[in-house]
Each structure stands twice: as structure tokens, then as C-alpha cells.
Amino acid sequence: MTFERQTYFARIGFQAKAVPTLETLQRIHLLHTCSIPFENLDVLLGRTIRLELDNVFEKLVVAGRGGYCYEQNALLRAALEDIGFEVEDLAARVLITQPPEMPPRTHRLLLVTINQQRYLADVGFGGKTLTSPLRLETDVEQPTAHGVYRLTHLESDYLLSIKQPDGWMPLYRFDLQPQYFSDFQVSNHYVSTWPESYFRHHLIVCLHKTDGTTLTLSDRQFSDEQREEIGGERAMYQLLQEKFGLRLDHGQHGISVAEFTAICPK
């Protein structure tokens, strides 16, 4: 199955005219992050994460699942290219956990050019992901519906940060070196199979809402502006469907209660 524009639009609720303008990019970016959850369930299940567009489209659109950056931004890129946008793949080094040493490039993001103005687009960074594209401009605050972001220079890289009550939180650093499918195949394999990968040990599900709030499920902690502990596995299984809108009944990409219980954080 190749990319099907109207099926994707139905998945995210996009009903406007699809033309390669900034307004279209902004609308699709917001609706995507408010419709397709960030989640790493397949990593915890030990399933192979396939990045070919057919697989990504089948899982995230047809089967009603979510995914992480390699899948999310692959889908967004396909949608934008189908509309006629100029899109490039980039890779970033994640800094949000404050690693003591220089981390590898394990995050996929996009660079979109409209009338010679470049924008950063990224629908795959969990609870801190962008809900609107950012101008590739440094040292200016850029408000979005879900936070204020800023790009600065860090050595020869760009640094993306989000404004917090106590200051700026660094998210990731990147340069403008184009990335290729083979680059993401390698980093995707590393992130999804390396025994010490964070995604191998922690459940993470995030979904933005159009009212400016964000739903997150991190291990057993559910946050809908207020944090609460979720007890039983069946309650969490229901939460994935009722709050995050995940479909878990697909023949290939579905997840049974027993499968979820086996991977549920203790």
C-alpha cells in the first residue's frame, strides 16, 4: 500500500484545500500531533519496526496505531511531498536527558522550504514534540499551541530548546546534513534493539490536544495536566484506547490484553 492522501487526511481530520503553503503545513502539523499518538509499544513487544512507507502507512493510518520519530516523520514527509512541499530529512542528537557525553544521532526530523524560507517540522518527539513548524531562525522565541520554542547556535549545530518556568530546556541539537533512508535504518535498529535503549525499558505514549494540553502515559503515570498512578494492566489497556485513541484490534498491528500485560511496566 502506497501513500493515500484522503485516507491520511481522514485519519488526522484535515478538511481544507491541500496546497503547499505555510498555512497548510501549520494545520497538518497540528492535526497530526493531535491525532496520531507517539508510542513505543512495538519496541517493548520486540517487533521489528519497519520504515518502508507501505509499512508505516499501514500501521499509523490504516491500523490506527502510533509510532515514534522514524515512523511519524516518515509519514509526515510522505504527506507533505504528496501535496508538493520541498522536504529534506535531518537527524538530531537528543539532549533532553542531559547525557554526560555526546549522544549519537537517534532522532529524525524534517526541513521544509516554502518560498525560500526554511522551517523545522517534527511530529515525533513525544510530549515535547512541536505542534507547529518553526522558522529556521536563531535567537527568537517562537510560540506554539503547546509551548514556546527557541533555536540557538551550539558550536556548528542548531540547538532546539523549550521554555520552562525555570528557564530553557534543551531538547536536541542538529545540523543541516541531509539524511538518507539507510541512515534511519541503522539508527532505528539501534534504538529499537540495543539492550540499554530507553525505549526498551519504558512505556511512553503521548498525544497533544487542540486545546493546548498534552496527554502522556509514562510507565504507570498518566498525565492529563494532573498526574495519577494507573494500577492494573487492564485499566492501562483501556486507557490507551479511550484516552489516546489507539486501535489495538488490527490483525497485524493489534495488541492483545495478554501481550500488553507481558510488557507492562511493573
C-alpha atoms as a PDB file:
ATOM      1  CA  MET A   1       0.000   0.000   0.000  1.00  0.00           C
ATOM      2  CA  THR A   2       1.438   3.374  -1.022  1.00  0.00           C
ATOM      3  CA  PHE A   3       0.527   6.747   0.482  1.00  0.00           C
ATOM      4  CA  GLU A   4      -3.172   7.574   0.111  1.00  0.00           C
ATOM      5  CA  ARG A   5      -3.828  11.271   0.643  1.00  0.00           C
ATOM      6  CA  GLN A   6      -7.513  11.145   1.518  1.00  0.00           C
ATOM      7  CA  THR A   7      -7.084   8.231   3.924  1.00  0.00           C
ATOM      8  CA  TYR A   8      -4.352  10.155   5.753  1.00  0.00           C
ATOM      9  CA  PHE A   9      -6.474  13.311   5.800  1.00  0.00           C
ATOM     10  CA  ALA A  10      -9.366  11.339   7.291  1.00  0.00           C
ATOM     11  CA  ARG A  11      -7.024   9.938   9.967  1.00  0.00           C
ATOM     12  CA  ILE A  12      -5.958  13.422  11.107  1.00  0.00           C
ATOM     13  CA  GLY A  13      -9.203  15.275  10.351  1.00  0.00           C
ATOM     14  CA  PHE A  14      -7.788  17.603   7.693  1.00  0.00           C
ATOM     15  CA  GLN A  15     -10.562  19.034   5.508  1.00  0.00           C
ATOM     16  CA  ALA A  16      -9.043  22.118   3.884  1.00  0.00           C
ATOM     17  CA  LYS A  17      -7.611  22.503   0.395  1.00  0.00           C
ATOM     18  CA  ALA A  18      -4.195  20.842   0.201  1.00  0.00           C
ATOM     19  CA  VAL A  19      -1.761  23.348  -1.297  1.00  0.00           C
ATOM     20  CA  PRO A  20       1.948  23.789  -0.410  1.00  0.00           C
ATOM     21  CA  THR A  21       1.573  26.906   1.751  1.00  0.00           C
ATOM     22  CA  LEU A  22       2.644  27.718   5.297  1.00  0.00           C
ATOM     23  CA  GLU A  23      -0.983  27.652   6.440  1.00  0.00           C
ATOM     24  CA  THR A  24      -1.388  24.090   5.128  1.00  0.00           C
ATOM     25  CA  LEU A  25       1.852  22.984   6.778  1.00  0.00           C
ATOM     26  CA  GLN A  26       0.802  24.509  10.104  1.00  0.00           C
ATOM     27  CA  ARG A  27      -2.636  22.887  10.016  1.00  0.00           C
ATOM     28  CA  ILE A  28      -1.405  19.425   9.065  1.00  0.00           C
ATOM     29  CA  HIS A  29       1.404  19.606  11.631  1.00  0.00           C
ATOM     30  CA  LEU A  30      -1.051  20.391  14.444  1.00  0.00           C
ATOM     31  CA  LEU A  31      -3.681  17.846  13.406  1.00  0.00           C
ATOM     32  CA  HIS A  32      -1.096  15.067  13.004  1.00  0.00           C
ATOM     33  CA  THR A  33       0.213  15.509  16.551  1.00  0.00           C
ATOM     34  CA  CYS A  34      -3.356  15.674  17.897  1.00  0.00           C
ATOM     35  CA  SER A  35      -4.473  12.510  16.094  1.00  0.00           C
ATOM     36  CA  ILE A  36      -1.592  10.015  15.859  1.00  0.00           C
ATOM     37  CA  PRO A  37      -0.009   9.242  19.248  1.00  0.00           C
ATOM     38  CA  PHE A  38       3.685   8.934  19.859  1.00  0.00           C
ATOM     39  CA  GLU A  39       4.190   5.418  21.266  1.00  0.00           C
ATOM     40  CA  ASN A  40       6.822   2.693  21.570  1.00  0.00           C
ATOM     41  CA  LEU A  41       4.646  -0.360  22.168  1.00  0.00           C
ATOM     42  CA  ASP A  42       6.141  -2.347  19.301  1.00  0.00           C
ATOM     43  CA  VAL A  43       9.655  -1.801  20.647  1.00  0.00           C
ATOM     44  CA  LEU A  44       8.585  -3.229  24.017  1.00  0.00           C
ATOM     45  CA  LEU A  45       6.903  -6.128  22.227  1.00  0.00           C
ATOM     46  CA  GLY A  46      10.115  -6.945  20.372  1.00  0.00           C
ATOM     47  CA  ARG A  47       8.501  -6.373  16.990  1.00  0.00           C
ATOM     48  CA  THR A  48      10.599  -5.185  14.061  1.00  0.00           C
ATOM     49  CA  ILE A  49       9.994  -1.511  13.287  1.00  0.00           C
ATOM     50  CA  ARG A  50       9.723  -1.293   9.506  1.00  0.00           C
ATOM     51  CA  LEU A  51      10.342   2.117   7.966  1.00  0.00           C
ATOM     52  CA  GLU A  52       9.237   1.475   4.386  1.00  0.00           C
ATOM     53  CA  LEU A  53       6.333   3.802   3.607  1.00  0.00           C
ATOM     54  CA  ASP A  54       3.931   0.928   2.966  1.00  0.00           C
ATOM     55  CA  ASN A  55       4.539  -0.412   6.471  1.00  0.00           C
ATOM     56  CA  VAL A  56       4.379   2.991   8.141  1.00  0.00           C
ATOM     57  CA  PHE A  57       1.152   3.929   6.378  1.00  0.00           C
ATOM     58  CA  GLU A  58      -0.489   0.592   7.155  1.00  0.00           C
ATOM     59  CA  LYS A  59       0.390   0.821  10.864  1.00  0.00           C
ATOM     60  CA  LEU A  60      -0.183   4.505  11.672  1.00  0.00           C
ATOM     61  CA  VAL A  61      -3.062   5.262   9.316  1.00  0.00           C
ATOM     62  CA  VAL A  62      -4.956   2.087   8.394  1.00  0.00           C
ATOM     63  CA  ALA A  63      -4.434   0.160  11.655  1.00  0.00           C
ATOM     64  CA  GLY A  64      -4.958   3.200  13.872  1.00  0.00           C
ATOM     65  CA  ARG A  65      -1.709   2.844  15.788  1.00  0.00           C
ATOM     66  CA  GLY A  66       1.001   5.387  16.646  1.00  0.00           C
ATOM     67  CA  GLY A  67       4.765   5.206  16.453  1.00  0.00           C
ATOM     68  CA  TYR A  68       7.980   7.016  17.189  1.00  0.00           C
ATOM     69  CA  CYS A  69      10.074   9.549  15.268  1.00  0.00           C
ATOM     70  CA  TYR A  70      11.262   7.321  12.425  1.00  0.00           C
ATOM     71  CA  GLU A  71       7.677   6.349  11.632  1.00  0.00           C
ATOM     72  CA  GLN A  72       5.911   9.624  12.465  1.00  0.00           C
ATOM     73  CA  ASN A  73       8.167  11.860  10.421  1.00  0.00           C
ATOM     74  CA  ALA A  74       8.296   9.354   7.552  1.00  0.00           C
ATOM     75  CA  LEU A  75       4.521   9.623   7.335  1.00  0.00           C
ATOM     76  CA  LEU A  76       4.538  13.417   7.578  1.00  0.00           C
ATOM     77  CA  ARG A  77       7.221  13.622   4.885  1.00  0.00           C
ATOM     78  CA  ALA A  78       5.136  11.452   2.537  1.00  0.00           C
ATOM     79  CA  ALA A  79       2.084  13.637   3.113  1.00  0.00           C
ATOM     80  CA  LEU A  80       3.967  16.884   2.536  1.00  0.00           C
ATOM     81  CA  GLU A  81       5.706  15.624  -0.598  1.00  0.00           C
ATOM     82  CA  ASP A  82       2.370  14.384  -1.948  1.00  0.00           C
ATOM     83  CA  ILE A  83       0.986  17.914  -1.566  1.00  0.00           C
ATOM     84  CA  GLY A  84       4.014  19.435  -3.274  1.00  0.00           C
ATOM     85  CA  PHE A  85       6.241  20.690  -0.455  1.00  0.00           C
ATOM     86  CA  GLU A  86      10.033  20.629  -0.666  1.00  0.00           C
ATOM     87  CA  VAL A  87      11.162  18.359   2.192  1.00  0.00           C
ATOM     88  CA  GLU A  88      14.535  17.107   3.465  1.00  0.00           C
ATOM     89  CA  ASP A  89      15.374  14.570   6.178  1.00  0.00           C
ATOM     90  CA  LEU A  90      17.612  15.598   9.072  1.00  0.00           C
ATOM     91  CA  ALA A  91      18.887  13.822  12.194  1.00  0.00           C
ATOM     92  CA  ALA A  92      19.419  15.113  15.728  1.00  0.00           C
ATOM     93  CA  ARG A  93      21.294  14.248  18.912  1.00  0.00           C
ATOM     94  CA  VAL A  94      18.854  14.079  21.839  1.00  0.00           C
ATOM     95  CA  LEU A  95      19.852  16.164  24.868  1.00  0.00           C
ATOM     96  CA  ILE A  96      16.675  16.153  26.977  1.00  0.00           C
ATOM     97  CA  THR A  97      18.119  13.543  29.370  1.00  0.00           C
ATOM     98  CA  GLN A  98      21.332  15.573  29.734  1.00  0.00           C
ATOM     99  CA  PRO A  99      23.711  12.812  28.586  1.00  0.00           C
ATOM    100  CA  PRO A 100      27.241  13.140  30.009  1.00  0.00           C
ATOM    101  CA  GLU A 101      28.840  12.527  26.605  1.00  0.00           C
ATOM    102  CA  MET A 102      27.960  13.450  23.033  1.00  0.00           C
ATOM    103  CA  PRO A 103      24.969  11.226  22.088  1.00  0.00           C
ATOM    104  CA  PRO A 104      24.508   9.636  18.646  1.00  0.00           C
ATOM    105  CA  ARG A 105      22.037  10.928  16.077  1.00  0.00           C
ATOM    106  CA  THR A 106      18.935   8.987  17.075  1.00  0.00           C
ATOM    107  CA  HIS A 107      16.133  11.403  16.193  1.00  0.00           C
ATOM    108  CA  ARG A 108      14.521  12.009  12.811  1.00  0.00           C
ATOM    109  CA  LEU A 109      13.139  15.435  11.866  1.00  0.00           C
ATOM    110  CA  LEU A 110      12.281  17.374   8.712  1.00  0.00           C
ATOM    111  CA  LEU A 111      13.322  20.575   6.978  1.00  0.00           C
ATOM    112  CA  VAL A 112      10.605  22.130   4.818  1.00  0.00           C
ATOM    113  CA  THR A 113      11.266  25.010   2.412  1.00  0.00           C
ATOM    114  CA  ILE A 114       8.456  27.368   1.371  1.00  0.00           C
ATOM    115  CA  ASN A 115       9.276  30.350  -0.852  1.00  0.00           C
ATOM    116  CA  GLN A 116      12.952  30.156   0.181  1.00  0.00           C
ATOM    117  CA  GLN A 117      12.040  30.248   3.903  1.00  0.00           C
ATOM    118  CA  ARG A 118      13.107  27.123   5.773  1.00  0.00           C
ATOM    119  CA  TYR A 119      11.045  25.552   8.556  1.00  0.00           C
ATOM    120  CA  LEU A 120      11.738  22.820  11.092  1.00  0.00           C
ATOM    121  CA  ALA A 121       8.943  20.239  11.185  1.00  0.00           C
ATOM    122  CA  ASP A 122       8.854  17.405  13.725  1.00  0.00           C
ATOM    123  CA  VAL A 123       5.854  15.333  14.846  1.00  0.00           C
ATOM    124  CA  GLY A 124       7.853  12.595  16.587  1.00  0.00           C
ATOM    125  CA  PHE A 125       9.447  13.848  19.808  1.00  0.00           C
ATOM    126  CA  GLY A 126       6.964  12.624  22.397  1.00  0.00           C
ATOM    127  CA  GLY A 127       5.466  15.024  24.928  1.00  0.00           C
ATOM    128  CA  LYS A 128       7.766  17.891  23.896  1.00  0.00           C
ATOM    129  CA  THR A 129       7.256  17.492  20.166  1.00  0.00           C
ATOM    130  CA  LEU A 130       6.392  20.511  18.070  1.00  0.00           C
ATOM    131  CA  THR A 131       2.771  21.088  17.157  1.00  0.00           C
ATOM    132  CA  SER A 132       3.692  23.774  14.647  1.00  0.00           C
ATOM    133  CA  PRO A 133       6.664  24.198  12.324  1.00  0.00           C
ATOM    134  CA  LEU A 134       9.383  26.616  13.435  1.00  0.00           C
ATOM    135  CA  ARG A 135      11.222  29.078  11.241  1.00  0.00           C
ATOM    136  CA  LEU A 136      14.861  28.117  10.932  1.00  0.00           C
ATOM    137  CA  GLU A 137      15.894  31.324  12.684  1.00  0.00           C
ATOM    138  CA  THR A 138      18.041  31.605  15.791  1.00  0.00           C
ATOM    139  CA  ASP A 139      17.685  33.601  18.995  1.00  0.00           C
ATOM    140  CA  VAL A 140      13.960  34.334  18.668  1.00  0.00           C
ATOM    141  CA  GLU A 141      11.141  32.900  20.774  1.00  0.00           C
ATOM    142  CA  GLN A 142       8.577  31.031  18.669  1.00  0.00           C
ATOM    143  CA  PRO A 143       5.242  30.388  20.414  1.00  0.00           C
ATOM    144  CA  THR A 144       3.136  27.341  19.514  1.00  0.00           C
ATOM    145  CA  ALA A 145      -0.123  25.995  20.919  1.00  0.00           C
ATOM    146  CA  HIS A 146       1.847  23.691  23.232  1.00  0.00           C
ATOM    147  CA  GLY A 147       4.861  25.723  24.272  1.00  0.00           C
ATOM    148  CA  VAL A 148       7.418  28.349  23.363  1.00  0.00           C
ATOM    149  CA  TYR A 149      10.494  27.135  21.486  1.00  0.00           C
ATOM    150  CA  ARG A 150      13.810  28.680  20.525  1.00  0.00           C
ATOM    151  CA  LEU A 151      16.625  27.795  18.170  1.00  0.00           C
ATOM    152  CA  THR A 152      20.162  28.869  19.051  1.00  0.00           C
ATOM    153  CA  HIS A 153      23.594  28.003  17.740  1.00  0.00           C
ATOM    154  CA  LEU A 154      25.611  25.411  19.632  1.00  0.00           C
ATOM    155  CA  GLU A 155      29.073  25.171  18.116  1.00  0.00           C
ATOM    156  CA  SER A 156      28.351  24.301  14.463  1.00  0.00           C
ATOM    157  CA  ASP A 157      24.875  22.911  15.236  1.00  0.00           C
ATOM    158  CA  TYR A 158      21.414  24.254  15.878  1.00  0.00           C
ATOM    159  CA  LEU A 159      20.026  23.688  19.380  1.00  0.00           C
ATOM    160  CA  LEU A 160      16.267  23.367  19.930  1.00  0.00           C
ATOM    161  CA  SER A 161      15.022  24.296  23.407  1.00  0.00           C
ATOM    162  CA  ILE A 162      11.595  24.679  25.035  1.00  0.00           C
ATOM    163  CA  LYS A 163      10.767  27.375  27.566  1.00  0.00           C
ATOM    164  CA  GLN A 164      10.085  26.106  31.089  1.00  0.00           C
ATOM    165  CA  PRO A 165       9.164  28.008  34.282  1.00  0.00           C
ATOM    166  CA  ASP A 166      12.788  27.804  35.450  1.00  0.00           C
ATOM    167  CA  GLY A 167      14.454  28.533  32.116  1.00  0.00           C
ATOM    168  CA  TRP A 168      15.157  26.898  28.745  1.00  0.00           C
ATOM    169  CA  MET A 169      15.260  23.100  28.482  1.00  0.00           C
ATOM    170  CA  PRO A 170      17.498  21.769  25.672  1.00  0.00           C
ATOM    171  CA  LEU A 171      15.771  19.112  23.564  1.00  0.00           C
ATOM    172  CA  TYR A 172      18.170  18.221  20.751  1.00  0.00           C
ATOM    173  CA  ARG A 173      20.957  19.515  18.529  1.00  0.00           C
ATOM    174  CA  PHE A 174      21.197  19.039  14.767  1.00  0.00           C
ATOM    175  CA  ASP A 175      22.879  20.252  11.624  1.00  0.00           C
ATOM    176  CA  LEU A 176      21.616  20.502   8.052  1.00  0.00           C
ATOM    177  CA  GLN A 177      23.431  17.464   6.680  1.00  0.00           C
ATOM    178  CA  PRO A 178      20.838  15.558   4.582  1.00  0.00           C
ATOM    179  CA  GLN A 179      19.980  12.077   5.836  1.00  0.00           C
ATOM    180  CA  TYR A 180      19.003   9.045   3.801  1.00  0.00           C
ATOM    181  CA  PHE A 181      16.767   6.031   4.309  1.00  0.00           C
ATOM    182  CA  SER A 182      19.797   3.864   5.065  1.00  0.00           C
ATOM    183  CA  ASP A 183      20.834   6.258   7.861  1.00  0.00           C
ATOM    184  CA  PHE A 184      17.468   5.833   9.529  1.00  0.00           C
ATOM    185  CA  GLN A 185      17.506   2.076   9.053  1.00  0.00           C
ATOM    186  CA  VAL A 186      20.707   1.891  11.081  1.00  0.00           C
ATOM    187  CA  SER A 187      19.633   4.279  13.846  1.00  0.00           C
ATOM    188  CA  ASN A 188      16.146   2.748  14.049  1.00  0.00           C
ATOM    189  CA  HIS A 189      17.650  -0.698  14.530  1.00  0.00           C
ATOM    190  CA  TYR A 190      19.964   0.645  17.228  1.00  0.00           C
ATOM    191  CA  VAL A 191      17.218   2.462  19.144  1.00  0.00           C
ATOM    192  CA  SER A 192      14.719  -0.399  18.957  1.00  0.00           C
ATOM    193  CA  THR A 193      17.056  -3.317  19.728  1.00  0.00           C
ATOM    194  CA  TRP A 194      20.016  -2.044  21.785  1.00  0.00           C
ATOM    195  CA  PRO A 195      19.559  -3.625  25.257  1.00  0.00           C
ATOM    196  CA  GLU A 196      20.199  -0.322  27.054  1.00  0.00           C
ATOM    197  CA  SER A 197      17.871   1.759  24.887  1.00  0.00           C
ATOM    198  CA  TYR A 198      15.387   3.786  26.942  1.00  0.00           C
ATOM    199  CA  PHE A 199      12.591   2.652  24.639  1.00  0.00           C
ATOM    200  CA  ARG A 200      13.301  -0.988  25.522  1.00  0.00           C
ATOM    201  CA  HIS A 201      12.511  -0.445  29.205  1.00  0.00           C
ATOM    202  CA  HIS A 202       9.899   2.300  29.467  1.00  0.00           C
ATOM    203  CA  LEU A 203       6.383   2.684  28.106  1.00  0.00           C
ATOM    204  CA  ILE A 204       5.879   6.111  26.540  1.00  0.00           C
ATOM    205  CA  VAL A 205       2.621   7.289  24.952  1.00  0.00           C
ATOM    206  CA  CYS A 206       1.898  10.950  24.171  1.00  0.00           C
ATOM    207  CA  LEU A 207      -0.878  12.792  22.369  1.00  0.00           C
ATOM    208  CA  HIS A 208      -1.401  16.515  22.033  1.00  0.00           C
ATOM    209  CA  LYS A 209      -4.888  18.023  22.195  1.00  0.00           C
ATOM    210  CA  THR A 210      -6.086  21.010  20.182  1.00  0.00           C
ATOM    211  CA  ASP A 211      -6.936  22.887  23.408  1.00  0.00           C
ATOM    212  CA  GLY A 212      -3.221  23.176  24.200  1.00  0.00           C
ATOM    213  CA  THR A 213      -2.989  20.280  26.654  1.00  0.00           C
ATOM    214  CA  THR A 214      -0.983  17.068  26.284  1.00  0.00           C
ATOM    215  CA  LEU A 215      -1.816  13.526  27.394  1.00  0.00           C
ATOM    216  CA  THR A 216       1.104  11.362  28.469  1.00  0.00           C
ATOM    217  CA  LEU A 217       1.460   7.839  29.781  1.00  0.00           C
ATOM    218  CA  SER A 218       4.943   7.147  31.099  1.00  0.00           C
ATOM    219  CA  ASP A 219       5.208   3.667  32.577  1.00  0.00           C
ATOM    220  CA  ARG A 220       2.244   3.750  35.009  1.00  0.00           C
ATOM    221  CA  GLN A 221       1.975   7.522  35.349  1.00  0.00           C
ATOM    222  CA  PHE A 222      -0.871   9.098  33.368  1.00  0.00           C
ATOM    223  CA  SER A 223      -0.885  12.866  32.985  1.00  0.00           C
ATOM    224  CA  ASP A 224      -3.775  14.972  31.744  1.00  0.00           C
ATOM    225  CA  GLU A 225      -2.450  18.204  33.299  1.00  0.00           C
ATOM    226  CA  GLN A 226      -2.649  16.306  36.603  1.00  0.00           C
ATOM    227  CA  ARG A 227      -0.606  13.174  37.255  1.00  0.00           C
ATOM    228  CA  GLU A 228      -2.188   9.991  38.536  1.00  0.00           C
ATOM    229  CA  GLU A 229      -0.998   6.439  39.066  1.00  0.00           C
ATOM    230  CA  ILE A 230      -2.685   3.805  36.909  1.00  0.00           C
ATOM    231  CA  GLY A 231      -2.901   0.456  38.676  1.00  0.00           C
ATOM    232  CA  GLY A 232      -3.956  -2.653  36.769  1.00  0.00           C
ATOM    233  CA  GLU A 233      -2.838  -3.654  33.310  1.00  0.00           C
ATOM    234  CA  ARG A 234      -6.411  -3.833  32.025  1.00  0.00           C
ATOM    235  CA  ALA A 235      -7.021  -0.257  33.157  1.00  0.00           C
ATOM    236  CA  MET A 236      -3.941   0.867  31.253  1.00  0.00           C
ATOM    237  CA  TYR A 237      -5.002  -1.142  28.216  1.00  0.00           C
ATOM    238  CA  GLN A 238      -8.374   0.626  28.231  1.00  0.00           C
ATOM    239  CA  LEU A 239      -6.665   3.974  28.728  1.00  0.00           C
ATOM    240  CA  LEU A 240      -4.653   3.515  25.537  1.00  0.00           C
ATOM    241  CA  GLN A 241      -7.862   3.141  23.586  1.00  0.00           C
ATOM    242  CA  GLU A 242     -10.166   5.587  25.348  1.00  0.00           C
ATOM    243  CA  LYS A 243      -7.787   8.489  26.018  1.00  0.00           C
ATOM    244  CA  PHE A 244      -5.172   8.118  23.290  1.00  0.00           C
ATOM    245  CA  GLY A 245      -7.446   6.697  20.588  1.00  0.00           C
ATOM    246  CA  LEU A 246      -5.179   3.750  19.804  1.00  0.00           C
ATOM    247  CA  ARG A 247      -6.763   0.898  17.895  1.00  0.00           C
ATOM    248  CA  LEU A 248      -5.479  -2.409  19.232  1.00  0.00           C
ATOM    249  CA  ASP A 249      -7.633  -4.822  17.241  1.00  0.00           C
ATOM    250  CA  HIS A 250      -5.868  -4.862  13.866  1.00  0.00           C
ATOM    251  CA  GLY A 251      -4.913  -8.285  12.550  1.00  0.00           C
ATOM    252  CA  GLN A 252      -1.236  -7.439  12.075  1.00  0.00           C
ATOM    253  CA  HIS A 253      -0.644  -4.378  14.224  1.00  0.00           C
ATOM    254  CA  GLY A 254      -3.074  -5.079  17.054  1.00  0.00           C
ATOM    255  CA  ILE A 255      -2.062  -5.882  20.635  1.00  0.00           C
ATOM    256  CA  SER A 256      -3.957  -8.285  22.868  1.00  0.00           C
ATOM    257  CA  VAL A 257      -4.509  -7.789  26.590  1.00  0.00           C
ATOM    258  CA  ALA A 258      -2.134 -10.683  27.269  1.00  0.00           C
ATOM    259  CA  GLU A 259       0.599  -9.184  25.072  1.00  0.00           C
ATOM    260  CA  PHE A 260       0.235  -5.801  26.731  1.00  0.00           C
ATOM    261  CA  THR A 261       0.259  -7.304  30.216  1.00  0.00           C
ATOM    262  CA  ALA A 262       3.537  -9.074  29.439  1.00  0.00           C
ATOM    263  CA  ILE A 263       5.298  -5.784  28.593  1.00  0.00           C
ATOM    264  CA  CYS A 264       3.539  -3.572  31.114  1.00  0.00           C
ATOM    265  CA  PRO A 265       5.990  -1.823  33.460  1.00  0.00           C
ATOM    266  CA  LYS A 266       5.909  -3.279  36.962  1.00  0.00           C
END
